[in-house]
Amino acid sequence: MDLPYQAKKESAVESNGEPLVLTPIEVRKMLSCSRGVLYTALRRGIIPSIKISPRKIIIPRHRFFEWLEGGGGNDLHPSE
């Protein structure tokens, strides 16, 4: 029996087939940093991100790569 509406798990993609947003796991792999360092940088606004719920953070792909190209990783590790 088909329902009138079936939710599809799709992600928004750019015209080149790349996703519009990255997950913290994807960014962590790209930066080769620890989970703690990544989430500290996200919380402090060092890495551009959007918190869409208490447990869900997304990173706009274009803003992340602009940040990275601008040398954004210099402040990734807190000097405490």
N, C-alpha and C. Protein backbone atom coordinates (compact mmCIF):
# COMPACT_ATOMS: atom_id res chain seq x y z
N MET A 1 0.84 -1.18 0.00
CA MET A 1 0.00 0.00 0.00
C MET A 1 0.88 1.24 0.00
N ASP A 2 0.73 2.09 -0.97
CA ASP A 2 1.48 3.33 -1.06
C ASP A 2 0.77 4.44 -0.32
N LEU A 3 1.54 5.18 0.41
CA LEU A 3 1.00 6.34 1.09
C LEU A 3 0.99 7.51 0.12
N PRO A 4 0.08 8.47 0.30
CA PRO A 4 0.05 9.62 -0.61
C PRO A 4 1.35 10.41 -0.60
N TYR A 5 2.02 10.39 0.52
CA TYR A 5 3.29 11.12 0.62
C TYR A 5 4.32 10.22 1.27
N GLN A 6 5.41 10.05 0.61
CA GLN A 6 6.51 9.29 1.19
C GLN A 6 7.73 10.19 1.24
N ALA A 7 8.26 10.35 2.42
CA ALA A 7 9.43 11.21 2.60
C ALA A 7 10.65 10.55 1.97
N LYS A 8 11.38 11.31 1.24
CA LYS A 8 12.62 10.83 0.63
C LYS A 8 13.78 11.50 1.35
N LYS A 9 14.79 10.72 1.62
CA LYS A 9 15.98 11.29 2.26
C LYS A 9 16.90 11.76 1.14
N GLU A 10 16.79 13.03 0.84
CA GLU A 10 17.61 13.64 -0.20
C GLU A 10 18.33 14.84 0.38
N SER A 11 19.48 15.11 -0.14
CA SER A 11 20.19 16.30 0.29
C SER A 11 20.25 17.28 -0.88
N ALA A 12 20.23 18.55 -0.56
CA ALA A 12 20.34 19.59 -1.58
C ALA A 12 21.74 19.56 -2.15
N VAL A 13 21.83 19.64 -3.47
CA VAL A 13 23.13 19.60 -4.13
C VAL A 13 23.30 20.77 -5.07
N GLU A 14 24.56 21.16 -5.27
CA GLU A 14 24.88 22.20 -6.22
C GLU A 14 24.78 21.63 -7.63
N SER A 15 24.91 22.49 -8.62
CA SER A 15 24.81 22.04 -10.01
C SER A 15 25.92 21.06 -10.38
N ASN A 16 27.04 21.10 -9.66
CA ASN A 16 28.15 20.19 -9.96
C ASN A 16 28.01 18.86 -9.21
N GLY A 17 26.89 18.66 -8.51
CA GLY A 17 26.65 17.41 -7.82
C GLY A 17 27.17 17.35 -6.40
N GLU A 18 27.85 18.39 -5.95
CA GLU A 18 28.38 18.44 -4.58
C GLU A 18 27.26 18.88 -3.63
N PRO A 19 27.24 18.33 -2.41
CA PRO A 19 26.21 18.76 -1.44
C PRO A 19 26.43 20.21 -1.02
N LEU A 20 25.34 20.91 -0.70
CA LEU A 20 25.42 22.31 -0.27
C LEU A 20 25.97 22.44 1.14
N VAL A 21 25.80 21.41 1.95
CA VAL A 21 26.27 21.47 3.33
C VAL A 21 27.14 20.25 3.65
N LEU A 22 27.99 20.44 4.65
CA LEU A 22 28.85 19.38 5.15
C LEU A 22 28.43 19.05 6.58
N THR A 23 28.73 17.85 7.00
CA THR A 23 28.46 17.47 8.39
C THR A 23 29.74 17.69 9.20
N PRO A 24 29.62 17.80 10.51
CA PRO A 24 30.83 17.90 11.33
C PRO A 24 31.79 16.72 11.12
N ILE A 25 31.27 15.54 10.89
CA ILE A 25 32.13 14.38 10.66
C ILE A 25 32.96 14.57 9.38
N GLU A 26 32.33 15.07 8.31
CA GLU A 26 33.05 15.31 7.06
C GLU A 26 34.13 16.36 7.24
N VAL A 27 33.80 17.44 7.95
CA VAL A 27 34.77 18.51 8.18
C VAL A 27 35.93 18.00 9.04
N ARG A 28 35.61 17.22 10.05
CA ARG A 28 36.64 16.65 10.93
C ARG A 28 37.62 15.81 10.13
N LYS A 29 37.13 15.01 9.20
CA LYS A 29 38.01 14.19 8.36
C LYS A 29 38.90 15.06 7.47
N MET A 30 38.32 16.14 6.92
CA MET A 30 39.10 17.03 6.05
C MET A 30 40.20 17.75 6.82
N LEU A 31 39.91 18.15 8.06
CA LEU A 31 40.87 18.90 8.85
C LEU A 31 41.81 18.02 9.66
N SER A 32 41.50 16.73 9.76
CA SER A 32 42.31 15.79 10.56
C SER A 32 42.51 16.32 11.98
N CYS A 33 41.40 16.67 12.61
CA CYS A 33 41.47 17.17 13.98
C CYS A 33 40.61 16.30 14.89
N SER A 34 40.77 16.47 16.17
CA SER A 34 39.99 15.69 17.12
C SER A 34 38.55 16.21 17.17
N ARG A 35 37.68 15.39 17.68
CA ARG A 35 36.28 15.76 17.83
C ARG A 35 36.13 16.97 18.74
N GLY A 36 36.88 16.99 19.83
CA GLY A 36 36.81 18.11 20.77
C GLY A 36 37.25 19.42 20.16
N VAL A 37 38.35 19.39 19.41
CA VAL A 37 38.84 20.61 18.75
C VAL A 37 37.81 21.11 17.74
N LEU A 38 37.23 20.19 16.98
CA LEU A 38 36.25 20.60 15.98
C LEU A 38 35.04 21.25 16.64
N TYR A 39 34.45 20.60 17.64
CA TYR A 39 33.24 21.15 18.26
C TYR A 39 33.52 22.43 19.04
N THR A 40 34.71 22.58 19.58
CA THR A 40 35.08 23.86 20.21
C THR A 40 35.12 24.96 19.17
N ALA A 41 35.73 24.67 18.01
CA ALA A 41 35.81 25.66 16.93
C ALA A 41 34.42 26.00 16.39
N LEU A 42 33.54 25.01 16.29
CA LEU A 42 32.18 25.28 15.84
C LEU A 42 31.43 26.13 16.86
N ARG A 43 31.56 25.79 18.12
CA ARG A 43 30.85 26.51 19.20
C ARG A 43 31.33 27.96 19.29
N ARG A 44 32.61 28.19 19.09
CA ARG A 44 33.17 29.56 19.17
C ARG A 44 32.95 30.36 17.90
N GLY A 45 32.44 29.73 16.86
CA GLY A 45 32.22 30.45 15.61
C GLY A 45 33.46 30.57 14.75
N ILE A 46 34.50 29.84 15.09
CA ILE A 46 35.73 29.88 14.29
C ILE A 46 35.49 29.25 12.93
N ILE A 47 34.81 28.11 12.93
CA ILE A 47 34.40 27.46 11.68
C ILE A 47 32.95 27.86 11.44
N PRO A 48 32.64 28.40 10.25
CA PRO A 48 31.27 28.83 9.99
C PRO A 48 30.30 27.65 10.00
N SER A 49 29.22 27.78 10.75
CA SER A 49 28.25 26.69 10.86
C SER A 49 26.87 27.24 11.20
N ILE A 50 25.89 26.36 11.09
CA ILE A 50 24.51 26.70 11.43
C ILE A 50 24.00 25.60 12.34
N LYS A 51 23.52 25.99 13.51
CA LYS A 51 22.94 25.03 14.44
C LYS A 51 21.44 25.00 14.18
N ILE A 52 20.95 23.89 13.61
CA ILE A 52 19.54 23.84 13.23
C ILE A 52 18.66 23.17 14.28
N SER A 53 19.28 22.54 15.26
CA SER A 53 18.56 22.00 16.41
C SER A 53 19.59 21.77 17.50
N PRO A 54 19.16 21.42 18.72
CA PRO A 54 20.15 21.21 19.78
C PRO A 54 21.19 20.13 19.46
N ARG A 55 20.85 19.20 18.57
CA ARG A 55 21.76 18.10 18.26
C ARG A 55 22.23 18.07 16.81
N LYS A 56 21.90 19.07 16.01
CA LYS A 56 22.22 19.04 14.59
C LYS A 56 22.92 20.32 14.17
N ILE A 57 24.14 20.17 13.65
CA ILE A 57 24.93 21.29 13.15
C ILE A 57 25.28 20.98 11.70
N ILE A 58 25.13 21.98 10.83
CA ILE A 58 25.55 21.83 9.45
C ILE A 58 26.54 22.94 9.12
N ILE A 59 27.41 22.66 8.17
CA ILE A 59 28.42 23.61 7.75
C ILE A 59 28.20 23.91 6.27
N PRO A 60 27.83 25.15 5.92
CA PRO A 60 27.66 25.48 4.50
C PRO A 60 28.98 25.27 3.75
N ARG A 61 28.93 24.46 2.72
CA ARG A 61 30.12 24.06 1.97
C ARG A 61 30.91 25.28 1.47
N HIS A 62 30.24 26.21 0.82
CA HIS A 62 30.95 27.36 0.24
C HIS A 62 31.60 28.21 1.33
N ARG A 63 30.92 28.41 2.47
CA ARG A 63 31.50 29.22 3.55
C ARG A 63 32.69 28.50 4.19
N PHE A 64 32.60 27.18 4.31
CA PHE A 64 33.71 26.42 4.88
C PHE A 64 34.95 26.56 4.01
N PHE A 65 34.79 26.38 2.68
CA PHE A 65 35.97 26.46 1.81
C PHE A 65 36.49 27.89 1.69
N GLU A 66 35.63 28.90 1.78
CA GLU A 66 36.11 30.29 1.84
C GLU A 66 36.95 30.50 3.09
N TRP A 67 36.45 30.00 4.23
CA TRP A 67 37.18 30.11 5.50
C TRP A 67 38.53 29.40 5.39
N LEU A 68 38.53 28.21 4.83
CA LEU A 68 39.76 27.42 4.71
C LEU A 68 40.77 28.11 3.79
N GLU A 69 40.30 28.62 2.65
CA GLU A 69 41.19 29.31 1.71
C GLU A 69 41.76 30.59 2.32
N GLY A 70 41.02 31.19 3.23
CA GLY A 70 41.49 32.41 3.89
C GLY A 70 42.44 32.14 5.05
N GLY A 71 42.85 30.90 5.22
CA GLY A 71 43.77 30.56 6.30
C GLY A 71 43.09 30.41 7.63
N GLY A 72 41.81 30.07 7.63
CA GLY A 72 41.02 30.00 8.84
C GLY A 72 41.52 29.05 9.89
N GLY A 73 42.31 28.07 9.53
CA GLY A 73 42.78 27.08 10.49
C GLY A 73 43.76 27.60 11.51
N ASN A 74 44.23 28.83 11.38
CA ASN A 74 45.21 29.37 12.32
C ASN A 74 44.69 29.43 13.75
N ASP A 75 43.40 29.67 13.93
CA ASP A 75 42.82 29.80 15.25
C ASP A 75 42.07 28.54 15.69
N LEU A 76 42.31 27.43 15.03
CA LEU A 76 41.55 26.21 15.31
C LEU A 76 41.85 25.68 16.70
N HIS A 77 43.09 25.67 17.11
CA HIS A 77 43.47 25.16 18.42
C HIS A 77 43.50 26.31 19.42
N PRO A 78 42.67 26.22 20.47
CA PRO A 78 42.66 27.30 21.47
C PRO A 78 43.96 27.33 22.24
N SER A 79 44.41 28.53 22.55
CA SER A 79 45.66 28.66 23.32
C SER A 79 45.30 28.95 24.77
N GLU A 80 44.95 27.89 25.48
CA GLU A 80 44.55 28.04 26.87
C GLU A 80 45.57 27.43 27.78
